[in-house]
PDB file of N, CA and C in Angstrom:
ATOM      1  N   MET A   1      -5.557 -86.828  22.560  1.00  0.00           N
ATOM      2  CA  MET A   1      -5.470 -85.457  23.019  1.00  0.00           C
ATOM      3  C   MET A   1      -6.030 -84.503  21.978  1.00  0.00           C
ATOM      4  N   GLY A   2      -5.820 -84.772  20.711  1.00  0.00           N
ATOM      5  CA  GLY A   2      -6.397 -83.926  19.675  1.00  0.00           C
ATOM      6  C   GLY A   2      -5.523 -82.749  19.318  1.00  0.00           C
ATOM      7  N   GLU A   3      -5.953 -82.057  18.297  1.00  0.00           N
ATOM      8  CA  GLU A   3      -5.233 -80.888  17.795  1.00  0.00           C
ATOM      9  C   GLU A   3      -5.617 -79.658  18.614  1.00  0.00           C
ATOM     10  N   PRO A   4      -4.638 -78.774  18.910  1.00  0.00           N
ATOM     11  CA  PRO A   4      -4.987 -77.564  19.653  1.00  0.00           C
ATOM     12  C   PRO A   4      -5.927 -76.691  18.827  1.00  0.00           C
ATOM     13  N   PRO A   5      -6.749 -75.874  19.494  1.00  0.00           N
ATOM     14  CA  PRO A   5      -7.670 -75.024  18.744  1.00  0.00           C
ATOM     15  C   PRO A   5      -6.909 -74.026  17.881  1.00  0.00           C
ATOM     16  N   LYS A   6      -7.468 -73.735  16.729  1.00  0.00           N
ATOM     17  CA  LYS A   6      -6.865 -72.736  15.850  1.00  0.00           C
ATOM     18  C   LYS A   6      -7.088 -71.371  16.481  1.00  0.00           C
ATOM     19  N   ILE A   7      -6.006 -70.694  16.806  1.00  0.00           N
ATOM     20  CA  ILE A   7      -6.151 -69.451  17.556  1.00  0.00           C
ATOM     21  C   ILE A   7      -6.220 -68.226  16.657  1.00  0.00           C
ATOM     22  N   MET A   8      -6.061 -68.411  15.358  1.00  0.00           N
ATOM     23  CA  MET A   8      -6.059 -67.250  14.481  1.00  0.00           C
ATOM     24  C   MET A   8      -7.246 -67.252  13.536  1.00  0.00           C
ATOM     25  N   ASP A   9      -8.404 -67.739  13.988  1.00  0.00           N
ATOM     26  CA  ASP A   9      -9.575 -67.676  13.130  1.00  0.00           C
ATOM     27  C   ASP A   9     -10.077 -66.227  13.089  1.00  0.00           C
ATOM     28  N   GLU A  10     -10.929 -65.933  12.132  1.00  0.00           N
ATOM     29  CA  GLU A  10     -11.360 -64.541  11.909  1.00  0.00           C
ATOM     30  C   GLU A  10     -12.093 -63.937  13.109  1.00  0.00           C
ATOM     31  N   ALA A  11     -12.890 -64.727  13.808  1.00  0.00           N
ATOM     32  CA  ALA A  11     -13.612 -64.199  14.967  1.00  0.00           C
ATOM     33  C   ALA A  11     -12.638 -63.749  16.056  1.00  0.00           C
ATOM     34  N   ARG A  12     -11.618 -64.559  16.304  1.00  0.00           N
ATOM     35  CA  ARG A  12     -10.630 -64.183  17.331  1.00  0.00           C
ATOM     36  C   ARG A  12      -9.796 -62.990  16.886  1.00  0.00           C
ATOM     37  N   LEU A  13      -9.473 -62.930  15.598  1.00  0.00           N
ATOM     38  CA  LEU A  13      -8.704 -61.783  15.102  1.00  0.00           C
ATOM     39  C   LEU A  13      -9.519 -60.493  15.225  1.00  0.00           C
ATOM     40  N   GLN A  14     -10.817 -60.571  14.962  1.00  0.00           N
ATOM     41  CA  GLN A  14     -11.680 -59.401  15.100  1.00  0.00           C
ATOM     42  C   GLN A  14     -11.745 -58.943  16.556  1.00  0.00           C
ATOM     43  N   LYS A  15     -11.882 -59.894  17.480  1.00  0.00           N
ATOM     44  CA  LYS A  15     -11.903 -59.555  18.910  1.00  0.00           C
ATOM     45  C   LYS A  15     -10.577 -58.945  19.338  1.00  0.00           C
ATOM     46  N   LEU A  16      -9.476 -59.493  18.812  1.00  0.00           N
ATOM     47  CA  LEU A  16      -8.162 -58.938  19.125  1.00  0.00           C
ATOM     48  C   LEU A  16      -8.078 -57.492  18.654  1.00  0.00           C
ATOM     49  N   ALA A  17      -8.511 -57.227  17.433  1.00  0.00           N
ATOM     50  CA  ALA A  17      -8.470 -55.862  16.887  1.00  0.00           C
ATOM     51  C   ALA A  17      -9.289 -54.910  17.750  1.00  0.00           C
ATOM     52  N   GLU A  18     -10.467 -55.334  18.164  1.00  0.00           N
ATOM     53  CA  GLU A  18     -11.310 -54.487  19.014  1.00  0.00           C
ATOM     54  C   GLU A  18     -10.626 -54.208  20.346  1.00  0.00           C
ATOM     55  N   HIS A  19     -10.057 -55.241  20.945  1.00  0.00           N
ATOM     56  CA  HIS A  19      -9.353 -55.075  22.217  1.00  0.00           C
ATOM     57  C   HIS A  19      -8.163 -54.124  22.063  1.00  0.00           C
ATOM     58  N   LEU A  20      -7.387 -54.319  21.001  1.00  0.00           N
ATOM     59  CA  LEU A  20      -6.223 -53.460  20.777  1.00  0.00           C
ATOM     60  C   LEU A  20      -6.647 -52.001  20.596  1.00  0.00           C
ATOM     61  N   ASP A  21      -7.747 -51.779  19.876  1.00  0.00           N
ATOM     62  CA  ASP A  21      -8.211 -50.404  19.664  1.00  0.00           C
ATOM     63  C   ASP A  21      -8.680 -49.761  20.963  1.00  0.00           C
ATOM     64  N   GLN A  22      -9.230 -50.558  21.877  1.00  0.00           N
ATOM     65  CA  GLN A  22      -9.668 -50.023  23.166  1.00  0.00           C
ATOM     66  C   GLN A  22      -8.483 -49.708  24.073  1.00  0.00           C
ATOM     67  N   GLN A  23      -7.406 -50.467  23.939  1.00  0.00           N
ATOM     68  CA  GLN A  23      -6.275 -50.357  24.853  1.00  0.00           C
ATOM     69  C   GLN A  23      -5.127 -49.474  24.357  1.00  0.00           C
ATOM     70  N   ASN A  24      -5.141 -49.086  23.091  1.00  0.00           N
ATOM     71  CA  ASN A  24      -3.985 -48.388  22.524  1.00  0.00           C
ATOM     72  C   ASN A  24      -4.373 -47.125  21.773  1.00  0.00           C
ATOM     73  N   ASP A  25      -3.448 -46.182  21.789  1.00  0.00           N
ATOM     74  CA  ASP A  25      -3.489 -45.038  20.882  1.00  0.00           C
ATOM     75  C   ASP A  25      -2.439 -45.333  19.824  1.00  0.00           C
ATOM     76  N   TRP A  26      -2.866 -45.363  18.576  1.00  0.00           N
ATOM     77  CA  TRP A  26      -1.973 -45.755  17.488  1.00  0.00           C
ATOM     78  C   TRP A  26      -1.187 -44.570  16.966  1.00  0.00           C
ATOM     79  N   PRO A  27       0.060 -44.790  16.542  1.00  0.00           N
ATOM     80  CA  PRO A  27       0.847 -46.016  16.560  1.00  0.00           C
ATOM     81  C   PRO A  27       1.234 -46.408  17.994  1.00  0.00           C
ATOM     82  N   ALA A  28       1.471 -47.708  18.181  1.00  0.00           N
ATOM     83  CA  ALA A  28       1.813 -48.241  19.497  1.00  0.00           C
ATOM     84  C   ALA A  28       2.774 -49.417  19.353  1.00  0.00           C
ATOM     85  N   GLU A  29       3.518 -49.665  20.409  1.00  0.00           N
ATOM     86  CA  GLU A  29       4.425 -50.807  20.425  1.00  0.00           C
ATOM     87  C   GLU A  29       3.612 -52.083  20.656  1.00  0.00           C
ATOM     88  N   TYR A  30       3.973 -53.147  19.939  1.00  0.00           N
ATOM     89  CA  TYR A  30       3.293 -54.424  20.089  1.00  0.00           C
ATOM     90  C   TYR A  30       4.336 -55.531  20.079  1.00  0.00           C
ATOM     91  N   LEU A  31       4.172 -56.495  20.973  1.00  0.00           N
ATOM     92  CA  LEU A  31       5.100 -57.617  21.066  1.00  0.00           C
ATOM     93  C   LEU A  31       4.441 -58.869  20.491  1.00  0.00           C
ATOM     94  N   PHE A  32       5.030 -59.387  19.425  1.00  0.00           N
ATOM     95  CA  PHE A  32       4.591 -60.645  18.829  1.00  0.00           C
ATOM     96  C   PHE A  32       5.434 -61.759  19.419  1.00  0.00           C
ATOM     97  N   LYS A  33       4.790 -62.849  19.844  1.00  0.00           N
ATOM     98  CA  LYS A  33       5.502 -64.011  20.364  1.00  0.00           C
ATOM     99  C   LYS A  33       4.937 -65.257  19.692  1.00  0.00           C
ATOM    100  N   PHE A  34       5.830 -66.042  19.143  1.00  0.00           N
ATOM    101  CA  PHE A  34       5.445 -67.274  18.468  1.00  0.00           C
ATOM    102  C   PHE A  34       6.377 -68.401  18.881  1.00  0.00           C
ATOM    103  N   ILE A  35       5.852 -69.613  18.848  1.00  0.00           N
ATOM    104  CA  ILE A  35       6.669 -70.818  18.960  1.00  0.00           C
ATOM    105  C   ILE A  35       6.489 -71.550  17.634  1.00  0.00           C
ATOM    106  N   VAL A  36       7.618 -71.946  17.042  1.00  0.00           N
ATOM    107  CA  VAL A  36       7.562 -72.628  15.745  1.00  0.00           C
ATOM    108  C   VAL A  36       8.545 -73.782  15.720  1.00  0.00           C
ATOM    109  N   PRO A  37       8.280 -74.762  14.853  1.00  0.00           N
ATOM    110  CA  PRO A  37       9.279 -75.807  14.640  1.00  0.00           C
ATOM    111  C   PRO A  37      10.565 -75.166  14.100  1.00  0.00           C
ATOM    112  N   MET A  38      11.682 -75.739  14.447  1.00  0.00           N
ATOM    113  CA  MET A  38      12.991 -75.186  14.065  1.00  0.00           C
ATOM    114  C   MET A  38      13.061 -74.835  12.585  1.00  0.00           C
ATOM    115  N   GLN A  39      12.508 -75.681  11.725  1.00  0.00           N
ATOM    116  CA  GLN A  39      12.625 -75.455  10.285  1.00  0.00           C
ATOM    117  C   GLN A  39      11.795 -74.273   9.788  1.00  0.00           C
ATOM    118  N   GLU A  40      10.943 -73.696  10.639  1.00  0.00           N
ATOM    119  CA  GLU A  40      10.090 -72.577  10.226  1.00  0.00           C
ATOM    120  C   GLU A  40      10.540 -71.225  10.777  1.00  0.00           C
ATOM    121  N   VAL A  41      11.680 -71.188  11.453  1.00  0.00           N
ATOM    122  CA  VAL A  41      12.148 -69.937  12.060  1.00  0.00           C
ATOM    123  C   VAL A  41      12.334 -68.839  11.013  1.00  0.00           C
ATOM    124  N   ASP A  42      12.903 -69.174   9.883  1.00  0.00           N
ATOM    125  CA  ASP A  42      13.135 -68.154   8.850  1.00  0.00           C
ATOM    126  C   ASP A  42      11.829 -67.536   8.366  1.00  0.00           C
ATOM    127  N   ALA A  43      10.767 -68.319   8.318  1.00  0.00           N
ATOM    128  CA  ALA A  43       9.464 -67.791   7.897  1.00  0.00           C
ATOM    129  C   ALA A  43       8.949 -66.764   8.901  1.00  0.00           C
ATOM    130  N   VAL A  44       9.176 -66.997  10.184  1.00  0.00           N
ATOM    131  CA  VAL A  44       8.756 -66.032  11.205  1.00  0.00           C
ATOM    132  C   VAL A  44       9.603 -64.768  11.107  1.00  0.00           C
ATOM    133  N   VAL A  45      10.898 -64.916  10.985  1.00  0.00           N
ATOM    134  CA  VAL A  45      11.784 -63.755  10.871  1.00  0.00           C
ATOM    135  C   VAL A  45      11.395 -62.910   9.661  1.00  0.00           C
ATOM    136  N   ALA A  46      10.987 -63.551   8.577  1.00  0.00           N
ATOM    137  CA  ALA A  46      10.593 -62.830   7.362  1.00  0.00           C
ATOM    138  C   ALA A  46       9.341 -61.974   7.564  1.00  0.00           C
ATOM    139  N   LEU A  47       8.555 -62.258   8.591  1.00  0.00           N
ATOM    140  CA  LEU A  47       7.373 -61.437   8.888  1.00  0.00           C
ATOM    141  C   LEU A  47       7.750 -60.044   9.382  1.00  0.00           C
ATOM    142  N   PHE A  48       9.004 -59.891   9.841  1.00  0.00           N
ATOM    143  CA  PHE A  48       9.427 -58.653  10.492  1.00  0.00           C
ATOM    144  C   PHE A  48      10.697 -58.088   9.863  1.00  0.00           C
ATOM    145  N   PRO A  49      10.628 -57.650   8.599  1.00  0.00           N
ATOM    146  CA  PRO A  49      11.835 -57.120   7.953  1.00  0.00           C
ATOM    147  C   PRO A  49      12.371 -55.904   8.698  1.00  0.00           C
ATOM    148  N   GLY A  50      13.659 -55.908   8.933  1.00  0.00           N
ATOM    149  CA  GLY A  50      14.303 -54.775   9.595  1.00  0.00           C
ATOM    150  C   GLY A  50      14.106 -54.727  11.104  1.00  0.00           C
ATOM    151  N   VAL A  51      13.480 -55.746  11.673  1.00  0.00           N
ATOM    152  CA  VAL A  51      13.229 -55.784  13.113  1.00  0.00           C
ATOM    153  C   VAL A  51      14.031 -56.935  13.714  1.00  0.00           C
ATOM    154  N   ALA A  52      14.654 -56.679  14.856  1.00  0.00           N
ATOM    155  CA  ALA A  52      15.377 -57.747  15.548  1.00  0.00           C
ATOM    156  C   ALA A  52      14.364 -58.736  16.123  1.00  0.00           C
ATOM    157  N   VAL A  53      14.542 -59.992  15.791  1.00  0.00           N
ATOM    158  CA  VAL A  53      13.671 -61.047  16.297  1.00  0.00           C
ATOM    159  C   VAL A  53      14.501 -61.906  17.237  1.00  0.00           C
ATOM    160  N   SER A  54      14.137 -61.908  18.521  1.00  0.00           N
ATOM    161  CA  SER A  54      14.880 -62.742  19.467  1.00  0.00           C
ATOM    162  C   SER A  54      14.397 -64.176  19.337  1.00  0.00           C
ATOM    163  N   GLN A  55      15.338 -65.106  19.554  1.00  0.00           N
ATOM    164  CA  GLN A  55      15.033 -66.523  19.384  1.00  0.00           C
ATOM    165  C   GLN A  55      15.610 -67.302  20.556  1.00  0.00           C
ATOM    166  N   ARG A  56      14.848 -68.316  20.966  1.00  0.00           N
ATOM    167  CA  ARG A  56      15.318 -69.194  22.030  1.00  0.00           C
ATOM    168  C   ARG A  56      14.874 -70.619  21.713  1.00  0.00           C
ATOM    169  N   GLN A  57      15.833 -71.506  21.593  1.00  0.00           N
ATOM    170  CA  GLN A  57      15.541 -72.902  21.270  1.00  0.00           C
ATOM    171  C   GLN A  57      14.959 -73.635  22.470  1.00  0.00           C
ATOM    172  N   SER A  58      14.100 -74.593  22.171  1.00  0.00           N
ATOM    173  CA  SER A  58      13.584 -75.469  23.225  1.00  0.00           C
ATOM    174  C   SER A  58      14.719 -76.388  23.689  1.00  0.00           C
ATOM    175  N   ARG A  59      14.509 -77.019  24.796  1.00  0.00           N
ATOM    176  CA  ARG A  59      15.514 -77.916  25.350  1.00  0.00           C
ATOM    177  C   ARG A  59      15.886 -79.019  24.358  1.00  0.00           C
ATOM    178  N   THR A  60      14.896 -79.506  23.622  1.00  0.00           N
ATOM    179  CA  THR A  60      15.150 -80.588  22.663  1.00  0.00           C
ATOM    180  C   THR A  60      15.668 -80.092  21.320  1.00  0.00           C
ATOM    181  N   GLY A  61      15.566 -78.787  21.070  1.00  0.00           N
ATOM    182  CA  GLY A  61      16.009 -78.230  19.796  1.00  0.00           C
ATOM    183  C   GLY A  61      15.012 -78.372  18.675  1.00  0.00           C
ATOM    184  N   LYS A  62      13.817 -78.884  18.963  1.00  0.00           N
ATOM    185  CA  LYS A  62      12.806 -79.061  17.928  1.00  0.00           C
ATOM    186  C   LYS A  62      12.020 -77.779  17.657  1.00  0.00           C
ATOM    187  N   TYR A  63      11.909 -76.932  18.653  1.00  0.00           N
ATOM    188  CA  TYR A  63      11.103 -75.718  18.544  1.00  0.00           C
ATOM    189  C   TYR A  63      11.922 -74.498  18.921  1.00  0.00           C
ATOM    190  N   VAL A  64      11.445 -73.346  18.438  1.00  0.00           N
ATOM    191  CA  VAL A  64      12.094 -72.081  18.756  1.00  0.00           C
ATOM    192  C   VAL A  64      11.023 -71.085  19.180  1.00  0.00           C
ATOM    193  N   SER A  65      11.272 -70.426  20.285  1.00  0.00           N
ATOM    194  CA  SER A  65      10.413 -69.336  20.728  1.00  0.00           C
ATOM    195  C   SER A  65      10.958 -68.060  20.107  1.00  0.00           C
ATOM    196  N   THR A  66      10.091 -67.291  19.471  1.00  0.00           N
ATOM    197  CA  THR A  66      10.519 -66.047  18.823  1.00  0.00           C
ATOM    198  C   THR A  66       9.714 -64.883  19.372  1.00  0.00           C
ATOM    199  N   SER A  67      10.359 -63.733  19.452  1.00  0.00           N
ATOM    200  CA  SER A  67       9.698 -62.507  19.906  1.00  0.00           C
ATOM    201  C   SER A  67      10.160 -61.351  19.030  1.00  0.00           C
ATOM    202  N   ALA A  68       9.223 -60.506  18.668  1.00  0.00           N
ATOM    203  CA  ALA A  68       9.546 -59.317  17.876  1.00  0.00           C
ATOM    204  C   ALA A  68       8.724 -58.152  18.407  1.00  0.00           C
ATOM    205  N   ARG A  69       9.389 -57.087  18.773  1.00  0.00           N
ATOM    206  CA  ARG A  69       8.727 -55.887  19.273  1.00  0.00           C
ATOM    207  C   ARG A  69       8.709 -54.866  18.129  1.00  0.00           C
ATOM    208  N   VAL A  70       7.500 -54.464  17.730  1.00  0.00           N
ATOM    209  CA  VAL A  70       7.362 -53.558  16.588  1.00  0.00           C
ATOM    210  C   VAL A  70       6.499 -52.358  16.968  1.00  0.00           C
ATOM    211  N   ILE A  71       6.623 -51.310  16.194  1.00  0.00           N
ATOM    212  CA  ILE A  71       5.711 -50.171  16.315  1.00  0.00           C
ATOM    213  C   ILE A  71       4.639 -50.390  15.253  1.00  0.00           C
ATOM    214  N   ALA A  72       3.434 -50.689  15.712  1.00  0.00           N
ATOM    215  CA  ALA A  72       2.318 -50.945  14.805  1.00  0.00           C
ATOM    216  C   ALA A  72       1.551 -49.654  14.570  1.00  0.00           C
ATOM    217  N   GLU A  73       1.140 -49.451  13.341  1.00  0.00           N
ATOM    218  CA  GLU A  73       0.395 -48.248  12.988  1.00  0.00           C
ATOM    219  C   GLU A  73      -1.076 -48.335  13.380  1.00  0.00           C
ATOM    220  N   SER A  74      -1.595 -49.582  13.470  1.00  0.00           N
ATOM    221  CA  SER A  74      -3.009 -49.768  13.777  1.00  0.00           C
ATOM    222  C   SER A  74      -3.249 -51.221  14.169  1.00  0.00           C
ATOM    223  N   SER A  75      -4.448 -51.487  14.692  1.00  0.00           N
ATOM    224  CA  SER A  75      -4.801 -52.871  15.009  1.00  0.00           C
ATOM    225  C   SER A  75      -4.848 -53.702  13.730  1.00  0.00           C
ATOM    226  N   GLU A  76      -5.217 -53.097  12.623  1.00  0.00           N
ATOM    227  CA  GLU A  76      -5.258 -53.824  11.356  1.00  0.00           C
ATOM    228  C   GLU A  76      -3.866 -54.327  10.971  1.00  0.00           C
ATOM    229  N   GLY A  77      -2.846 -53.537  11.280  1.00  0.00           N
ATOM    230  CA  GLY A  77      -1.480 -53.957  11.004  1.00  0.00           C
ATOM    231  C   GLY A  77      -1.077 -55.164  11.834  1.00  0.00           C
ATOM    232  N   VAL A  78      -1.486 -55.180  13.093  1.00  0.00           N
ATOM    233  CA  VAL A  78      -1.201 -56.319  13.965  1.00  0.00           C
ATOM    234  C   VAL A  78      -1.920 -57.560  13.441  1.00  0.00           C
ATOM    235  N   VAL A  79      -3.189 -57.415  13.135  1.00  0.00           N
ATOM    236  CA  VAL A  79      -3.987 -58.536  12.637  1.00  0.00           C
ATOM    237  C   VAL A  79      -3.417 -59.052  11.314  1.00  0.00           C
ATOM    238  N   ALA A  80      -2.921 -58.171  10.474  1.00  0.00           N
ATOM    239  CA  ALA A  80      -2.341 -58.598   9.198  1.00  0.00           C
ATOM    240  C   ALA A  80      -1.141 -59.522   9.413  1.00  0.00           C
ATOM    241  N   VAL A  81      -0.330 -59.219  10.422  1.00  0.00           N
ATOM    242  CA  VAL A  81       0.813 -60.088  10.719  1.00  0.00           C
ATOM    243  C   VAL A  81       0.328 -61.455  11.179  1.00  0.00           C
ATOM    244  N   TYR A  82      -0.692 -61.476  12.043  1.00  0.00           N
ATOM    245  CA  TYR A  82      -1.232 -62.766  12.492  1.00  0.00           C
ATOM    246  C   TYR A  82      -1.809 -63.563  11.325  1.00  0.00           C
ATOM    247  N   ARG A  83      -2.433 -62.889  10.374  1.00  0.00           N
ATOM    248  CA  ARG A  83      -2.960 -63.604   9.196  1.00  0.00           C
ATOM    249  C   ARG A  83      -1.825 -64.236   8.396  1.00  0.00           C
ATOM    250  N   GLN A  84      -0.734 -63.498   8.224  1.00  0.00           N
ATOM    251  CA  GLN A  84       0.419 -64.047   7.510  1.00  0.00           C
ATOM    252  C   GLN A  84       1.019 -65.206   8.301  1.00  0.00           C
ATOM    253  N   ALA A  85       1.137 -65.039   9.593  1.00  0.00           N
ATOM    254  CA  ALA A  85       1.734 -66.066  10.438  1.00  0.00           C
ATOM    255  C   ALA A  85       0.917 -67.352  10.425  1.00  0.00           C
ATOM    256  N   ALA A  86      -0.384 -67.230  10.238  1.00  0.00           N
ATOM    257  CA  ALA A  86      -1.262 -68.405  10.240  1.00  0.00           C
ATOM    258  C   ALA A  86      -0.876 -69.407   9.161  1.00  0.00           C
ATOM    259  N   GLY A  87      -0.191 -68.947   8.130  1.00  0.00           N
ATOM    260  CA  GLY A  87       0.223 -69.843   7.058  1.00  0.00           C
ATOM    261  C   GLY A  87       1.509 -70.596   7.334  1.00  0.00           C
ATOM    262  N   ILE A  88       2.135 -70.339   8.468  1.00  0.00           N
ATOM    263  CA  ILE A  88       3.393 -71.020   8.803  1.00  0.00           C
ATOM    264  C   ILE A  88       3.065 -72.336   9.511  1.00  0.00           C
ATOM    265  N   PRO A  89       3.482 -73.463   8.937  1.00  0.00           N
ATOM    266  CA  PRO A  89       3.155 -74.764   9.513  1.00  0.00           C
ATOM    267  C   PRO A  89       3.688 -74.917  10.945  1.00  0.00           C
ATOM    268  N   GLY A  90       2.823 -75.380  11.846  1.00  0.00           N
ATOM    269  CA  GLY A  90       3.226 -75.671  13.216  1.00  0.00           C
ATOM    270  C   GLY A  90       3.344 -74.470  14.129  1.00  0.00           C
ATOM    271  N   LEU A  91       3.035 -73.283  13.639  1.00  0.00           N
ATOM    272  CA  LEU A  91       3.180 -72.062  14.445  1.00  0.00           C
ATOM    273  C   LEU A  91       2.143 -72.014  15.556  1.00  0.00           C
ATOM    274  N   ILE A  92       2.592 -71.586  16.731  1.00  0.00           N
ATOM    275  CA  ILE A  92       1.713 -71.323  17.862  1.00  0.00           C
ATOM    276  C   ILE A  92       1.922 -69.865  18.245  1.00  0.00           C
ATOM    277  N   ALA A  93       0.858 -69.095  18.257  1.00  0.00           N
ATOM    278  CA  ALA A  93       0.939 -67.684  18.665  1.00  0.00           C
ATOM    279  C   ALA A  93       0.667 -67.609  20.158  1.00  0.00           C
ATOM    280  N   LEU A  94       1.464 -66.821  20.847  1.00  0.00           N
ATOM    281  CA  LEU A  94       1.272 -66.642  22.297  1.00  0.00           C
ATOM    282  C   LEU A  94       0.687 -65.300  22.595  1.00  0.00           C
TER     283      LEU A  94
END
């Protein structure tokens, strides 16, 4: 089956920033959604200091779906979070 495509490469992040700038007047609310292995949940929560991060365990308990709704100042701020998140092992951005 192979490894899933890396979704946070620079070309995709640039396209995301362009799309966000076309669709939003900054600052704007943005919803981050990630799925991570259970042992990496704290790393995701650390991306959003002072923000409530909702969590939902998978049926098997191996993975956790996380969501954080933030007020982003710009598309660059959103992209910066995705760059940080890219370093979390096993993370899938939705």
